Full PDB file with SEQRES, HELIX, SHEET, SSBOND, CRYST1, ORIGX, SCALE, CONECT and MASTER records, all heavy atoms in Angstrom:
SEQRES   1 A   35  PHE VAL TYR ALA SER LEU ALA LEU TYR TYR LEU ALA THR          
SEQRES   2 A   35  LEU ARG ILE SER ALA GLU ALA ILE SER ARG PHE MET ASN          
SEQRES   3 A   35  GLN HIS PRO VAL TYR GLU VAL GLY LEU                          
HELIX    1 AA1 VAL A    2  THR A   13  1                                  12    
HELIX    2 AA2 ALA A   18  GLN A   27  1                                  10    
HELIX    3 AA3 PRO A   29  GLU A   32  1                                   4    
CRYST1    1.000    1.000    1.000  90.00  90.00  90.00 P 1           1          
ORIGX1      1.000000  0.000000  0.000000        0.00000                         
ORIGX2      0.000000  1.000000  0.000000        0.00000                         
ORIGX3      0.000000  0.000000  1.000000        0.00000                         
SCALE1      1.000000  0.000000  0.000000        0.00000                         
SCALE2      0.000000  1.000000  0.000000        0.00000                         
SCALE3      0.000000  0.000000  1.000000        0.00000                         
ATOM      1  N   PHE A   1       0.834  -1.208   0.001  1.00  0.00           N  
ATOM      2  CA  PHE A   1       0.005   0.001   0.002  1.00  0.00           C  
ATOM      3  C   PHE A   1       0.863   1.255   0.000  1.00  0.00           C  
ATOM      4  O   PHE A   1       0.522   2.263  -0.648  1.00  0.00           O  
ATOM      5  CB  PHE A   1      -0.936   0.005   1.208  1.00  0.00           C  
ATOM      6  CG  PHE A   1      -1.967  -1.068   1.190  1.00  0.00           C  
ATOM      7  CD1 PHE A   1      -1.911  -2.138   2.070  1.00  0.00           C  
ATOM      8  CD2 PHE A   1      -3.004  -1.045   0.266  1.00  0.00           C  
ATOM      9  CE1 PHE A   1      -2.856  -3.146   2.058  1.00  0.00           C  
ATOM     10  CE2 PHE A   1      -3.962  -2.044   0.223  1.00  0.00           C  
ATOM     11  CZ  PHE A   1      -3.898  -3.086   1.128  1.00  0.00           C  
ATOM     12  N   VAL A   2       1.953   1.238   0.742  1.00  0.00           N  
ATOM     13  CA  VAL A   2       2.824   2.414   0.792  1.00  0.00           C  
ATOM     14  C   VAL A   2       3.428   2.692  -0.580  1.00  0.00           C  
ATOM     15  O   VAL A   2       3.489   3.851  -1.009  1.00  0.00           O  
ATOM     16  CB  VAL A   2       3.932   2.197   1.846  1.00  0.00           C  
ATOM     17  CG1 VAL A   2       5.008   3.277   1.729  1.00  0.00           C  
ATOM     18  CG2 VAL A   2       3.353   2.224   3.253  1.00  0.00           C  
ATOM     19  N   TYR A   3       3.876   1.655  -1.282  1.00  0.00           N  
ATOM     20  CA  TYR A   3       4.461   1.888  -2.615  1.00  0.00           C  
ATOM     21  C   TYR A   3       3.429   2.480  -3.566  1.00  0.00           C  
ATOM     22  O   TYR A   3       3.726   3.422  -4.316  1.00  0.00           O  
ATOM     23  CB  TYR A   3       4.997   0.585  -3.215  1.00  0.00           C  
ATOM     24  CG  TYR A   3       5.618   0.789  -4.571  1.00  0.00           C  
ATOM     25  CD1 TYR A   3       6.921   1.249  -4.695  1.00  0.00           C  
ATOM     26  CD2 TYR A   3       4.892   0.571  -5.729  1.00  0.00           C  
ATOM     27  CE1 TYR A   3       7.482   1.488  -5.944  1.00  0.00           C  
ATOM     28  CE2 TYR A   3       5.432   0.795  -7.005  1.00  0.00           C  
ATOM     29  CZ  TYR A   3       6.739   1.260  -7.082  1.00  0.00           C  
ATOM     30  OH  TYR A   3       7.286   1.501  -8.335  1.00  0.00           O  
ATOM     31  N   ALA A   4       2.203   1.979  -3.506  1.00  0.00           N  
ATOM     32  CA  ALA A   4       1.147   2.487  -4.382  1.00  0.00           C  
ATOM     33  C   ALA A   4       0.874   3.967  -4.093  1.00  0.00           C  
ATOM     34  O   ALA A   4       0.755   4.803  -5.004  1.00  0.00           O  
ATOM     35  CB  ALA A   4      -0.122   1.661  -4.242  1.00  0.00           C  
ATOM     36  N   SER A   5       0.767   4.307  -2.827  1.00  0.00           N  
ATOM     37  CA  SER A   5       0.485   5.694  -2.458  1.00  0.00           C  
ATOM     38  C   SER A   5       1.658   6.605  -2.776  1.00  0.00           C  
ATOM     39  O   SER A   5       1.493   7.735  -3.240  1.00  0.00           O  
ATOM     40  CB  SER A   5       0.141   5.786  -0.961  1.00  0.00           C  
ATOM     41  OG  SER A   5       1.221   5.379  -0.148  1.00  0.00           O  
ATOM     42  N   LEU A   6       2.897   6.113  -2.558  1.00  0.00           N  
ATOM     43  CA  LEU A   6       4.084   6.894  -2.898  1.00  0.00           C  
ATOM     44  C   LEU A   6       4.159   7.156  -4.396  1.00  0.00           C  
ATOM     45  O   LEU A   6       4.467   8.273  -4.824  1.00  0.00           O  
ATOM     46  CB  LEU A   6       5.340   6.156  -2.443  1.00  0.00           C  
ATOM     47  CG  LEU A   6       5.706   6.234  -0.963  1.00  0.00           C  
ATOM     48  CD1 LEU A   6       6.805   5.244  -0.653  1.00  0.00           C  
ATOM     49  CD2 LEU A   6       6.161   7.623  -0.609  1.00  0.00           C  
ATOM     50  N   ALA A   7       3.912   6.116  -5.207  1.00  0.00           N  
ATOM     51  CA  ALA A   7       3.987   6.290  -6.656  1.00  0.00           C  
ATOM     52  C   ALA A   7       2.997   7.342  -7.139  1.00  0.00           C  
ATOM     53  O   ALA A   7       3.344   8.229  -7.952  1.00  0.00           O  
ATOM     54  CB  ALA A   7       3.739   4.941  -7.341  1.00  0.00           C  
ATOM     55  N   LEU A   8       1.758   7.267  -6.675  1.00  0.00           N  
ATOM     56  CA  LEU A   8       0.748   8.251  -7.056  1.00  0.00           C  
ATOM     57  C   LEU A   8       1.140   9.653  -6.575  1.00  0.00           C  
ATOM     58  O   LEU A   8       1.004  10.641  -7.312  1.00  0.00           O  
ATOM     59  CB  LEU A   8      -0.621   7.858  -6.471  1.00  0.00           C  
ATOM     60  CG  LEU A   8      -1.274   6.606  -7.067  1.00  0.00           C  
ATOM     61  CD1 LEU A   8      -2.522   6.255  -6.291  1.00  0.00           C  
ATOM     62  CD2 LEU A   8      -1.605   6.824  -8.535  1.00  0.00           C  
ATOM     63  N   TYR A   9       1.627   9.726  -5.369  1.00  0.00           N  
ATOM     64  CA  TYR A   9       1.992  11.030  -4.793  1.00  0.00           C  
ATOM     65  C   TYR A   9       3.159  11.670  -5.542  1.00  0.00           C  
ATOM     66  O   TYR A   9       3.097  12.841  -5.926  1.00  0.00           O  
ATOM     67  CB  TYR A   9       2.366  10.837  -3.314  1.00  0.00           C  
ATOM     68  CG  TYR A   9       2.830  12.101  -2.648  1.00  0.00           C  
ATOM     69  CD1 TYR A   9       1.941  13.102  -2.266  1.00  0.00           C  
ATOM     70  CD2 TYR A   9       4.176  12.293  -2.377  1.00  0.00           C  
ATOM     71  CE1 TYR A   9       2.361  14.249  -1.643  1.00  0.00           C  
ATOM     72  CE2 TYR A   9       4.627  13.446  -1.752  1.00  0.00           C  
ATOM     73  CZ  TYR A   9       3.715  14.423  -1.375  1.00  0.00           C  
ATOM     74  OH  TYR A   9       4.153  15.553  -0.769  1.00  0.00           O  
ATOM     75  N   TYR A  10       4.205  10.889  -5.806  1.00  0.00           N  
ATOM     76  CA  TYR A  10       5.374  11.452  -6.484  1.00  0.00           C  
ATOM     77  C   TYR A  10       5.086  11.754  -7.950  1.00  0.00           C  
ATOM     78  O   TYR A  10       5.643  12.700  -8.524  1.00  0.00           O  
ATOM     79  CB  TYR A  10       6.569  10.516  -6.343  1.00  0.00           C  
ATOM     80  CG  TYR A  10       7.128  10.474  -4.931  1.00  0.00           C  
ATOM     81  CD1 TYR A  10       7.499   9.272  -4.344  1.00  0.00           C  
ATOM     82  CD2 TYR A  10       7.276  11.635  -4.200  1.00  0.00           C  
ATOM     83  CE1 TYR A  10       8.014   9.238  -3.061  1.00  0.00           C  
ATOM     84  CE2 TYR A  10       7.800  11.611  -2.904  1.00  0.00           C  
ATOM     85  CZ  TYR A  10       8.154  10.400  -2.348  1.00  0.00           C  
ATOM     86  OH  TYR A  10       8.649  10.383  -1.059  1.00  0.00           O  
ATOM     87  N   LEU A  11       4.229  10.971  -8.580  1.00  0.00           N  
ATOM     88  CA  LEU A  11       3.824  11.291  -9.962  1.00  0.00           C  
ATOM     89  C   LEU A  11       3.159  12.667 -10.005  1.00  0.00           C  
ATOM     90  O   LEU A  11       3.316  13.407 -10.979  1.00  0.00           O  
ATOM     91  CB  LEU A  11       2.838  10.221 -10.481  1.00  0.00           C  
ATOM     92  CG  LEU A  11       3.472   8.983 -11.135  1.00  0.00           C  
ATOM     93  CD1 LEU A  11       2.402   7.939 -11.394  1.00  0.00           C  
ATOM     94  CD2 LEU A  11       4.120   9.402 -12.457  1.00  0.00           C  
ATOM     95  N   ALA A  12       2.432  12.999  -8.952  1.00  0.00           N  
ATOM     96  CA  ALA A  12       1.683  14.253  -8.933  1.00  0.00           C  
ATOM     97  C   ALA A  12       2.527  15.439  -8.490  1.00  0.00           C  
ATOM     98  O   ALA A  12       2.211  16.578  -8.856  1.00  0.00           O  
ATOM     99  CB  ALA A  12       0.463  14.108  -8.001  1.00  0.00           C  
ATOM    100  N   THR A  13       3.565  15.199  -7.708  1.00  0.00           N  
ATOM    101  CA  THR A  13       4.275  16.327  -7.090  1.00  0.00           C  
ATOM    102  C   THR A  13       5.707  16.572  -7.588  1.00  0.00           C  
ATOM    103  O   THR A  13       6.208  17.680  -7.382  1.00  0.00           O  
ATOM    104  CB  THR A  13       4.349  16.137  -5.562  1.00  0.00           C  
ATOM    105  OG1 THR A  13       5.077  14.919  -5.274  1.00  0.00           O  
ATOM    106  CG2 THR A  13       2.964  16.034  -4.950  1.00  0.00           C  
ATOM    107  N   LEU A  14       6.339  15.603  -8.222  1.00  0.00           N  
ATOM    108  CA  LEU A  14       7.738  15.785  -8.593  1.00  0.00           C  
ATOM    109  C   LEU A  14       7.959  16.837  -9.660  1.00  0.00           C  
ATOM    110  O   LEU A  14       9.069  17.321  -9.842  1.00  0.00           O  
ATOM    111  CB  LEU A  14       8.333  14.455  -9.048  1.00  0.00           C  
ATOM    112  CG  LEU A  14       8.717  13.480  -7.934  1.00  0.00           C  
ATOM    113  CD1 LEU A  14       9.298  12.205  -8.508  1.00  0.00           C  
ATOM    114  CD2 LEU A  14       9.715  14.112  -6.970  1.00  0.00           C  
ATOM    115  N   ARG A  15       6.911  17.212 -10.382  1.00  0.00           N  
ATOM    116  CA  ARG A  15       7.041  18.232 -11.409  1.00  0.00           C  
ATOM    117  C   ARG A  15       6.952  19.642 -10.839  1.00  0.00           C  
ATOM    118  O   ARG A  15       7.134  20.624 -11.560  1.00  0.00           O  
ATOM    119  CB  ARG A  15       5.980  18.030 -12.502  1.00  0.00           C  
ATOM    120  CG  ARG A  15       6.142  16.747 -13.266  1.00  0.00           C  
ATOM    121  CD  ARG A  15       5.131  16.616 -14.397  1.00  0.00           C  
ATOM    122  NE  ARG A  15       5.295  15.374 -15.123  1.00  0.00           N  
ATOM    123  CZ  ARG A  15       6.152  15.201 -16.120  1.00  0.00           C  
ATOM    124  NH1 ARG A  15       6.933  16.198 -16.507  1.00  0.00           N  
ATOM    125  NH2 ARG A  15       6.247  14.059 -16.747  1.00  0.00           N  
ATOM    126  N   ILE A  16       6.620  19.766  -9.548  1.00  0.00           N  
ATOM    127  CA  ILE A  16       6.521  21.082  -8.919  1.00  0.00           C  
ATOM    128  C   ILE A  16       7.915  21.626  -8.665  1.00  0.00           C  
ATOM    129  O   ILE A  16       8.761  20.954  -8.065  1.00  0.00           O  
ATOM    130  CB  ILE A  16       5.717  20.996  -7.614  1.00  0.00           C  
ATOM    131  CG1 ILE A  16       4.316  20.513  -7.906  1.00  0.00           C  
ATOM    132  CG2 ILE A  16       5.689  22.341  -6.905  1.00  0.00           C  
ATOM    133  CD1 ILE A  16       3.462  20.280  -6.671  1.00  0.00           C  
ATOM    134  N   SER A  17       8.173  22.846  -9.090  1.00  0.00           N  
ATOM    135  CA  SER A  17       9.500  23.442  -8.959  1.00  0.00           C  
ATOM    136  C   SER A  17       9.720  24.025  -7.573  1.00  0.00           C  
ATOM    137  O   SER A  17       8.930  24.855  -7.093  1.00  0.00           O  
ATOM    138  CB  SER A  17       9.672  24.539 -10.019  1.00  0.00           C  
ATOM    139  OG  SER A  17      10.828  25.305  -9.787  1.00  0.00           O  
ATOM    140  N   ALA A  18      10.817  23.625  -6.926  1.00  0.00           N  
ATOM    141  CA  ALA A  18      11.154  24.162  -5.624  1.00  0.00           C  
ATOM    142  C   ALA A  18      11.465  25.657  -5.725  1.00  0.00           C  
ATOM    143  O   ALA A  18      11.155  26.447  -4.836  1.00  0.00           O  
ATOM    144  CB  ALA A  18      12.362  23.414  -5.043  1.00  0.00           C  
ATOM    145  N   GLU A  19      12.087  26.037  -6.851  1.00  0.00           N  
ATOM    146  CA  GLU A  19      12.405  27.460  -7.055  1.00  0.00           C  
ATOM    147  C   GLU A  19      11.144  28.287  -7.173  1.00  0.00           C  
ATOM    148  O   GLU A  19      11.093  29.419  -6.646  1.00  0.00           O  
ATOM    149  CB  GLU A  19      13.256  27.626  -8.321  1.00  0.00           C  
ATOM    150  CG  GLU A  19      14.666  27.072  -8.211  1.00  0.00           C  
ATOM    151  CD  GLU A  19      14.737  25.553  -8.280  1.00  0.00           C  
ATOM    152  OE1 GLU A  19      13.723  24.951  -8.694  1.00  0.00           O  
ATOM    153  OE2 GLU A  19      15.765  24.985  -7.897  1.00  0.00           O  
ATOM    154  N   ALA A  20      10.132  27.751  -7.855  1.00  0.00           N  
ATOM    155  CA  ALA A  20       8.878  28.487  -7.994  1.00  0.00           C  
ATOM    156  C   ALA A  20       8.193  28.681  -6.643  1.00  0.00           C  
ATOM    157  O   ALA A  20       7.624  29.752  -6.347  1.00  0.00           O  
ATOM    158  CB  ALA A  20       7.949  27.757  -8.957  1.00  0.00           C  
ATOM    159  N   ILE A  21       8.257  27.649  -5.806  1.00  0.00           N  
ATOM    160  CA  ILE A  21       7.669  27.751  -4.467  1.00  0.00           C  
ATOM    161  C   ILE A  21       8.394  28.811  -3.653  1.00  0.00           C  
ATOM    162  O   ILE A  21       7.776  29.643  -2.986  1.00  0.00           O  
ATOM    163  CB  ILE A  21       7.706  26.375  -3.755  1.00  0.00           C  
ATOM    164  CG1 ILE A  21       6.802  25.377  -4.470  1.00  0.00           C  
ATOM    165  CG2 ILE A  21       7.286  26.526  -2.284  1.00  0.00           C  
ATOM    166  CD1 ILE A  21       6.896  23.984  -3.922  1.00  0.00           C  
ATOM    167  N   SER A  22       9.724  28.772  -3.697  1.00  0.00           N  
ATOM    168  CA  SER A  22      10.530  29.743  -2.946  1.00  0.00           C  
ATOM    169  C   SER A  22      10.252  31.159  -3.428  1.00  0.00           C  
ATOM    170  O   SER A  22      10.151  32.098  -2.619  1.00  0.00           O  
ATOM    171  CB  SER A  22      12.003  29.404  -3.115  1.00  0.00           C  
ATOM    172  OG  SER A  22      12.288  28.118  -2.670  1.00  0.00           O  
ATOM    173  N   ARG A  23      10.123  31.327  -4.746  1.00  0.00           N  
ATOM    174  CA  ARG A  23       9.872  32.637  -5.299  1.00  0.00           C  
ATOM    175  C   ARG A  23       8.517  33.170  -4.851  1.00  0.00           C  
ATOM    176  O   ARG A  23       8.370  34.358  -4.489  1.00  0.00           O  
ATOM    177  CB  ARG A  23       9.908  32.556  -6.835  1.00  0.00           C  
ATOM    178  CG  ARG A  23      10.040  33.913  -7.538  1.00  0.00           C  
ATOM    179  CD  ARG A  23      10.065  33.747  -9.052  1.00  0.00           C  
ATOM    180  NE  ARG A  23      11.014  32.726  -9.474  1.00  0.00           N  
ATOM    181  CZ  ARG A  23      10.679  31.589 -10.068  1.00  0.00           C  
ATOM    182  NH1 ARG A  23       9.389  31.324 -10.333  1.00  0.00           N  
ATOM    183  NH2 ARG A  23      11.576  30.731 -10.427  1.00  0.00           N  
ATOM    184  N   PHE A  24       7.506  32.291  -4.828  1.00  0.00           N  
ATOM    185  CA  PHE A  24       6.160  32.711  -4.386  1.00  0.00           C  
ATOM    186  C   PHE A  24       6.183  33.126  -2.931  1.00  0.00           C  
ATOM    187  O   PHE A  24       5.575  34.127  -2.543  1.00  0.00           O  
ATOM    188  CB  PHE A  24       5.178  31.568  -4.613  1.00  0.00           C  
ATOM    189  CG  PHE A  24       3.774  31.907  -4.198  1.00  0.00           C  
ATOM    190  CD1 PHE A  24       2.899  32.498  -5.081  1.00  0.00           C  
ATOM    191  CD2 PHE A  24       3.309  31.623  -2.917  1.00  0.00           C  
ATOM    192  CE1 PHE A  24       1.608  32.837  -4.711  1.00  0.00           C  
ATOM    193  CE2 PHE A  24       2.027  31.936  -2.533  1.00  0.00           C  
ATOM    194  CZ  PHE A  24       1.167  32.540  -3.429  1.00  0.00           C  
ATOM    195  N   MET A  25       6.877  32.358  -2.095  1.00  0.00           N  
ATOM    196  CA  MET A  25       6.934  32.671  -0.673  1.00  0.00           C  
ATOM    197  C   MET A  25       7.647  34.001  -0.422  1.00  0.00           C  
ATOM    198  O   MET A  25       7.278  34.760   0.452  1.00  0.00           O  
ATOM    199  CB  MET A  25       7.642  31.544   0.097  1.00  0.00           C  
ATOM    200  CG  MET A  25       6.891  30.231   0.081  1.00  0.00           C  
ATOM    201  SD  MET A  25       7.768  28.884   0.940  1.00  0.00           S  
ATOM    202  CE  MET A  25       7.603  29.430   2.631  1.00  0.00           C  
ATOM    203  N   ASN A  26       8.674  34.254  -1.231  1.00  0.00           N  
ATOM    204  CA  ASN A  26       9.422  35.505  -1.095  1.00  0.00           C  
ATOM    205  C   ASN A  26       8.593  36.704  -1.510  1.00  0.00           C  
ATOM    206  O   ASN A  26       8.656  37.777  -0.920  1.00  0.00           O  
ATOM    207  CB  ASN A  26      10.710  35.434  -1.902  1.00  0.00           C  
ATOM    208  CG  ASN A  26      11.657  36.560  -1.595  1.00  0.00           C  
ATOM    209  OD1 ASN A  26      11.693  37.050  -0.466  1.00  0.00           O  
ATOM    210  ND2 ASN A  26      12.443  36.969  -2.561  1.00  0.00           N  
ATOM    211  N   GLN A  27       7.745  36.515  -2.551  1.00  0.00           N  
ATOM    212  CA  GLN A  27       6.950  37.608  -3.099  1.00  0.00           C  
ATOM    213  C   GLN A  27       5.640  37.814  -2.342  1.00  0.00           C  
ATOM    214  O   GLN A  27       5.018  38.871  -2.464  1.00  0.00           O  
ATOM    215  CB  GLN A  27       6.661  37.329  -4.565  1.00  0.00           C  
ATOM    216  CG  GLN A  27       7.893  37.351  -5.468  1.00  0.00           C  
ATOM    217  CD  GLN A  27       7.593  36.918  -6.888  1.00  0.00           C  
ATOM    218  OE1 GLN A  27       6.484  36.471  -7.197  1.00  0.00           O  
ATOM    219  NE2 GLN A  27       8.592  37.019  -7.778  1.00  0.00           N  
ATOM    220  N   HIS A  28       5.210  36.813  -1.569  1.00  0.00           N  
ATOM    221  CA  HIS A  28       3.936  36.914  -0.832  1.00  0.00           C  
ATOM    222  C   HIS A  28       4.184  36.559   0.626  1.00  0.00           C  
ATOM    223  O   HIS A  28       3.761  35.475   1.109  1.00  0.00           O  
ATOM    224  CB  HIS A  28       2.901  35.982  -1.416  1.00  0.00           C  
ATOM    225  CG  HIS A  28       2.609  36.241  -2.873  1.00  0.00           C  
ATOM    226  ND1 HIS A  28       3.390  35.744  -3.900  1.00  0.00           N  
ATOM    227  CD2 HIS A  28       1.621  36.995  -3.491  1.00  0.00           C  
ATOM    228  CE1 HIS A  28       2.893  36.136  -5.054  1.00  0.00           C  
ATOM    229  NE2 HIS A  28       1.837  36.887  -4.841  1.00  0.00           N  
ATOM    230  N   PRO A  29       4.844  37.431   1.386  1.00  0.00           N  
ATOM    231  CA  PRO A  29       5.147  37.125   2.796  1.00  0.00           C  
ATOM    232  C   PRO A  29       3.906  36.923   3.662  1.00  0.00           C  
ATOM    233  O   PRO A  29       3.982  36.278   4.694  1.00  0.00           O  
ATOM    234  CB  PRO A  29       5.958  38.356   3.243  1.00  0.00           C  
ATOM    235  CG  PRO A  29       5.593  39.429   2.279  1.00  0.00           C  
ATOM    236  CD  PRO A  29       5.339  38.737   0.974  1.00  0.00           C  
ATOM    237  N   VAL A  30       2.765  37.471   3.219  1.00  0.00           N  
ATOM    238  CA  VAL A  30       1.520  37.321   3.982  1.00  0.00           C  
ATOM    239  C   VAL A  30       1.131  35.851   4.038  1.00  0.00           C  
ATOM    240  O   VAL A  30       0.621  35.367   5.051  1.00  0.00           O  
ATOM    241  CB  VAL A  30       0.389  38.163   3.359  1.00  0.00           C  
ATOM    242  CG1 VAL A  30      -0.920  37.890   4.086  1.00  0.00           C  
ATOM    243  CG2 VAL A  30       0.730  39.650   3.415  1.00  0.00           C  
ATOM    244  N   TYR A  31       1.350  35.125   2.932  1.00  0.00           N  
ATOM    245  CA  TYR A  31       0.966  33.728   2.858  1.00  0.00           C  
ATOM    246  C   TYR A  31       2.091  32.764   3.239  1.00  0.00           C  
ATOM    247  O   TYR A  31       1.910  31.550   3.225  1.00  0.00           O  
ATOM    248  CB  TYR A  31       0.492  33.377   1.440  1.00  0.00           C  
ATOM    249  CG  TYR A  31      -0.570  34.301   0.907  1.00  0.00           C  
ATOM    250  CD1 TYR A  31      -0.331  35.080  -0.223  1.00  0.00           C  
ATOM    251  CD2 TYR A  31      -1.816  34.391   1.519  1.00  0.00           C  
ATOM    252  CE1 TYR A  31      -1.295  35.935  -0.702  1.00  0.00           C  
ATOM    253  CE2 TYR A  31      -2.783  35.245   1.037  1.00  0.00           C  
ATOM    254  CZ  TYR A  31      -2.505  36.016  -0.086  1.00  0.00           C  
ATOM    255  OH  TYR A  31      -3.481  36.867  -0.564  1.00  0.00           O  
ATOM    256  N   GLU A  32       3.254  33.339   3.541  1.00  0.00           N  
ATOM    257  CA  GLU A  32       4.459  32.524   3.727  1.00  0.00           C  
ATOM    258  C   GLU A  32       4.307  31.435   4.800  1.00  0.00           C  
ATOM    259  O   GLU A  32       4.572  30.262   4.562  1.00  0.00           O  
ATOM    260  CB  GLU A  32       5.631  33.441   4.090  1.00  0.00           C  
ATOM    261  CG  GLU A  32       6.935  32.710   4.321  1.00  0.00           C  
ATOM    262  CD  GLU A  32       7.965  33.578   5.017  1.00  0.00           C  
ATOM    263  OE1 GLU A  32       7.597  34.253   6.012  1.00  0.00           O  
ATOM    264  OE2 GLU A  32       9.108  33.556   4.586  1.00  0.00           O  
ATOM    265  N   VAL A  33       3.860  31.822   5.981  1.00  0.00           N  
ATOM    266  CA  VAL A  33       3.782  30.873   7.098  1.00  0.00           C  
ATOM    267  C   VAL A  33       2.731  29.793   6.814  1.00  0.00           C  
ATOM    268  O   VAL A  33       2.974  28.596   7.028  1.00  0.00           O  
ATOM    269  CB  VAL A  33       3.458  31.609   8.409  1.00  0.00           C  
ATOM    270  CG1 VAL A  33       3.156  30.603   9.518  1.00  0.00           C  
ATOM    271  CG2 VAL A  33       4.604  32.511   8.817  1.00  0.00           C  
ATOM    272  N   GLY A  34       1.571  30.204   6.311  1.00  0.00           N  
ATOM    273  CA  GLY A  34       0.535  29.223   5.988  1.00  0.00           C  
ATOM    274  C   GLY A  34       0.970  28.239   4.909  1.00  0.00           C  
ATOM    275  O   GLY A  34       0.720  27.043   4.999  1.00  0.00           O  
ATOM    276  N   LEU A  35       1.666  28.771   3.860  1.00  0.00           N  
ATOM    277  CA  LEU A  35       2.153  27.902   2.809  1.00  0.00           C  
ATOM    278  C   LEU A  35       3.218  26.945   3.348  1.00  0.00           C  
ATOM    279  O   LEU A  35       3.252  25.758   2.967  1.00  0.00           O  
ATOM    280  CB  LEU A  35       2.730  28.741   1.674  1.00  0.00           C  
ATOM    281  CG  LEU A  35       3.342  27.951   0.491  1.00  0.00           C  
ATOM    282  CD1 LEU A  35       2.294  27.033  -0.128  1.00  0.00           C  
ATOM    283  CD2 LEU A  35       3.886  28.919  -0.559  1.00  0.00           C  
TER     284      LEU A  35                                                      
MASTER        0    0    0    3    0    0    0    6  283    1    0    3          
END                                                                             
């Protein structure tokens, strides 16, 4: 079950850019803590 859930999760999230997340947090400090 863990492998199945991990595969689905990583398929959905590995394309998300860490740089884009960091940039958004830097540009929107109001949402930073919640994000």
